[in-house]
Amino acid sequence: MKLYTICEFCRSNINVKSSCSTRSELQMKEGDHLSVYCSSCNELNKKHVNDICAQANGKVLLIALIISIIVSAILWMILGAIGVISVAIIILFAQQEMKAVKSFNSYLIRRK
């Protein structure tokens, strides 16, 4: 899951570097407002925690695809069974990623 916000000056996406999985955890770690730097227009933006959004991380899904291909090759050589296990790995990773994004984006902090 990647966190991002939109620059108020140039309207480009700004990546927020944080390992927090929930908005409340982000608030406890960073406070109510975050200062994020836009590399496109070189401006410093002060954003509320609710202005930070999450999106699915393509790297996680790519890793799941690679693991799925490796497991498929091993199962094909040993058992001859490919289909269900290899597809299930990708579906489980994608489902977990979407659930994390949905839970982050659905919970909002009360503004003071």
Protein backbone atom coordinates (compact mmCIF):
# COMPACT_ATOMS: atom_id res chain seq x y z
CA MET A 1 0.00 0.00 0.00
CA LYS A 2 1.34 3.40 -1.02
CA LEU A 3 0.27 6.64 0.60
CA TYR A 4 -0.06 9.81 -1.44
CA THR A 5 -1.58 13.28 -1.44
CA ILE A 6 -2.14 15.94 -4.09
CA CYS A 7 -0.06 19.12 -4.23
CA GLU A 8 -2.24 22.20 -3.79
CA PHE A 9 -0.03 24.25 -6.12
CA CYS A 10 0.63 22.04 -9.15
CA ARG A 11 -1.97 19.25 -8.58
CA SER A 12 0.59 16.44 -8.94
CA ASN A 13 0.77 13.36 -6.70
CA ILE A 14 3.15 13.49 -3.75
CA ASN A 15 4.23 10.17 -2.26
CA VAL A 16 4.13 10.05 1.53
CA LYS A 17 6.81 7.82 2.99
CA SER A 18 5.30 5.99 5.94
CA SER A 19 4.89 2.41 7.05
CA CYS A 20 1.60 3.10 8.85
CA SER A 21 -1.24 0.80 7.87
CA THR A 22 -4.11 2.87 9.30
CA ARG A 23 -4.94 6.56 9.35
CA SER A 24 -5.14 6.63 13.16
CA GLU A 25 -1.66 5.09 13.36
CA LEU A 26 -0.42 7.77 10.95
CA GLN A 27 -1.99 10.47 13.13
CA MET A 28 -0.36 9.09 16.28
CA LYS A 29 3.02 8.88 14.59
CA GLU A 30 3.04 12.16 12.61
CA GLY A 31 0.37 14.33 14.26
CA ASP A 32 -2.74 15.93 12.76
CA HIS A 33 -0.86 17.76 10.01
CA LEU A 34 2.02 16.53 7.85
CA SER A 35 4.49 18.67 5.96
CA VAL A 36 5.14 17.11 2.56
CA TYR A 37 7.51 18.41 -0.10
CA CYS A 38 6.44 18.45 -3.76
CA SER A 39 9.36 17.63 -6.01
CA SER A 40 7.51 18.91 -9.10
CA CYS A 41 7.00 22.53 -8.02
CA ASN A 42 9.45 22.62 -5.07
CA GLU A 43 6.79 23.73 -2.60
CA LEU A 44 6.18 22.59 0.97
CA ASN A 45 2.56 21.56 1.57
CA LYS A 46 0.95 21.22 4.98
CA LYS A 47 -1.69 18.48 4.74
CA HIS A 48 -4.20 17.14 7.25
CA VAL A 49 -4.14 13.40 7.88
CA ASN A 50 -7.51 13.05 6.11
CA ASP A 51 -5.97 14.45 2.91
CA ILE A 52 -3.63 11.46 2.68
CA CYS A 53 -4.98 8.61 0.53
CA ALA A 54 -3.87 5.04 -0.08
CA GLN A 55 -3.57 3.07 -3.28
CA ALA A 56 -2.57 -0.48 -4.08
CA ASN A 57 1.14 -1.11 -4.43
CA GLY A 58 1.99 -2.70 -7.77
CA LYS A 59 5.25 -4.10 -6.38
CA VAL A 60 3.39 -6.38 -3.99
CA LEU A 61 1.25 -7.75 -6.80
CA LEU A 62 4.34 -8.24 -8.97
CA ILE A 63 6.03 -10.21 -6.18
CA ALA A 64 2.87 -12.31 -5.83
CA LEU A 65 2.94 -13.02 -9.56
CA ILE A 66 6.59 -14.11 -9.41
CA ILE A 67 5.91 -16.37 -6.41
CA SER A 68 2.93 -17.80 -8.26
CA ILE A 69 5.02 -18.61 -11.33
CA ILE A 70 7.69 -20.31 -9.21
CA VAL A 71 5.12 -22.35 -7.28
CA SER A 72 3.40 -23.29 -10.56
CA ALA A 73 6.69 -24.50 -12.05
CA ILE A 74 7.51 -26.58 -8.98
CA LEU A 75 4.02 -28.10 -8.79
CA TRP A 76 4.03 -28.82 -12.51
CA MET A 77 7.33 -30.71 -12.21
CA ILE A 78 6.32 -32.64 -9.09
CA LEU A 79 2.58 -33.15 -9.24
CA GLY A 80 1.44 -31.91 -12.61
CA ALA A 81 -1.14 -29.64 -10.91
CA ILE A 82 -0.83 -25.98 -11.84
CA GLY A 83 -4.07 -24.05 -12.01
CA VAL A 84 -5.71 -23.62 -8.63
CA ILE A 85 -2.69 -22.99 -6.44
CA SER A 86 -0.97 -20.50 -8.74
CA VAL A 87 -4.11 -18.41 -9.27
CA ALA A 88 -4.99 -18.56 -5.56
CA ILE A 89 -1.68 -16.94 -4.56
CA ILE A 90 -2.27 -13.92 -6.78
CA ILE A 91 -5.90 -13.58 -5.64
CA LEU A 92 -4.95 -13.73 -1.94
CA PHE A 93 -2.24 -11.08 -2.28
CA ALA A 94 -4.49 -8.77 -4.33
CA GLN A 95 -7.39 -9.26 -1.91
CA GLN A 96 -5.23 -8.43 1.12
CA GLU A 97 -3.84 -5.32 -0.60
CA MET A 98 -7.32 -4.07 -1.57
CA LYS A 99 -8.62 -4.68 1.96
CA ALA A 100 -5.77 -2.62 3.45
CA VAL A 101 -6.38 0.24 0.99
CA LYS A 102 -10.13 0.20 1.67
CA SER A 103 -9.70 0.24 5.44
CA PHE A 104 -7.20 3.13 5.27
CA ASN A 105 -9.35 5.26 2.96
CA SER A 106 -12.67 4.60 4.75
CA TYR A 107 -11.57 5.76 8.22
CA LEU A 108 -11.36 9.54 8.71
CA ILE A 109 -10.04 11.53 11.67
CA ARG A 110 -12.23 14.28 13.13
CA ARG A 111 -10.81 17.69 12.23
CA LYS A 112 -10.17 20.08 15.09
